[in-house]
Amino acid sequence: MIDIIEDWHTGMQACIKMNGVRTEKFNIEVGLRQGDVLSPTLFNIYFSMVMQVMKKQLKVKFEELQKETIGVPIMLL
């Protein structure tokens, strides 16, 4: 799957239109295709993995501190 995504983005080129004149094409070395449906999907997969890692790390930290939550308790009146 990673190879397919990499192949999809390899060789991307773009040009810029300034004052009605287009520049020559140039290679895009980083980033995802703008407006591509794959871009938000990849972002969602990445963000989901970040959240899973954070959840796992917080669980370990809570167990080390023997607490259910971390932070300052706030009492509502």
Protein backbone atom coordinates (compact mmCIF):
# COMPACT_ATOMS: atom_id res chain seq x y z
CA MET A 1 0.00 0.00 0.00
CA ILE A 2 2.83 2.39 0.86
CA ASP A 3 4.48 1.70 -2.51
CA ILE A 4 1.23 2.51 -4.31
CA ILE A 5 0.86 5.80 -2.44
CA GLU A 6 4.50 6.66 -3.08
CA ASP A 7 4.15 5.88 -6.80
CA TRP A 8 1.02 8.06 -6.94
CA HIS A 9 3.02 11.05 -5.62
CA THR A 10 6.33 10.41 -7.40
CA GLY A 11 7.00 12.79 -10.26
CA MET A 12 4.47 15.43 -9.24
CA GLN A 13 4.93 18.72 -11.06
CA ALA A 14 3.29 22.10 -10.85
CA CYS A 15 3.44 25.55 -12.36
CA ILE A 16 2.39 28.95 -11.10
CA LYS A 17 0.22 31.43 -12.96
CA MET A 18 1.32 35.04 -12.37
CA ASN A 19 -0.31 37.94 -14.17
CA GLY A 20 -1.92 35.52 -16.61
CA VAL A 21 1.42 33.88 -17.52
CA ARG A 22 2.32 30.36 -16.42
CA THR A 23 5.81 29.55 -15.18
CA GLU A 24 7.68 26.48 -16.35
CA LYS A 25 6.80 23.26 -14.58
CA PHE A 26 8.84 22.36 -11.52
CA ASN A 27 9.05 19.18 -9.44
CA ILE A 28 7.23 18.96 -6.13
CA GLU A 29 9.50 17.21 -3.65
CA VAL A 30 7.31 17.16 -0.50
CA GLY A 31 3.63 17.19 0.37
CA LEU A 32 0.47 15.68 -1.02
CA ARG A 33 -1.61 16.61 -4.04
CA GLN A 34 -3.96 19.44 -3.16
CA GLY A 35 -7.60 18.65 -3.75
CA ASP A 36 -6.90 14.92 -4.00
CA VAL A 37 -9.31 12.68 -2.07
CA LEU A 38 -6.32 10.66 -0.90
CA SER A 39 -4.88 13.63 1.04
CA PRO A 40 -7.53 13.84 3.78
CA THR A 41 -7.64 10.04 3.98
CA LEU A 42 -3.89 9.87 4.60
CA PHE A 43 -4.19 12.69 7.15
CA ASN A 44 -6.95 10.81 8.99
CA ILE A 45 -4.87 7.61 9.07
CA TYR A 46 -1.82 9.52 10.34
CA PHE A 47 -3.79 11.46 12.97
CA SER A 48 -5.52 8.28 14.14
CA MET A 49 -2.13 6.64 14.69
CA VAL A 50 -0.87 9.71 16.59
CA MET A 51 -3.90 9.52 18.89
CA GLN A 52 -3.39 5.79 19.49
CA VAL A 53 0.27 6.33 20.42
CA MET A 54 -0.63 9.21 22.74
CA LYS A 55 -3.38 7.16 24.40
CA LYS A 56 -0.96 4.29 24.99
CA GLN A 57 1.73 6.61 26.40
CA LEU A 58 -0.77 8.37 28.70
CA LYS A 59 -2.07 5.04 29.99
CA VAL A 60 1.48 4.03 30.94
CA LYS A 61 2.06 7.43 32.58
CA PHE A 62 -1.21 7.20 34.56
CA GLU A 63 -0.22 3.73 35.79
CA GLU A 64 3.22 5.02 36.86
CA LEU A 65 1.62 7.88 38.80
CA GLN A 66 -1.20 5.65 40.09
CA LYS A 67 -3.74 8.26 39.03
CA GLU A 68 -6.80 8.22 36.86
CA THR A 69 -6.24 11.71 35.48
CA ILE A 70 -3.48 14.30 35.22
CA GLY A 71 -4.10 17.99 35.76
CA VAL A 72 -5.49 20.45 38.27
CA PRO A 73 -8.89 19.58 39.75
CA ILE A 74 -11.45 22.34 39.30
CA MET A 75 -14.42 22.60 41.63
CA LEU A 76 -17.59 23.97 40.09
CA LEU A 77 -19.85 26.04 42.33
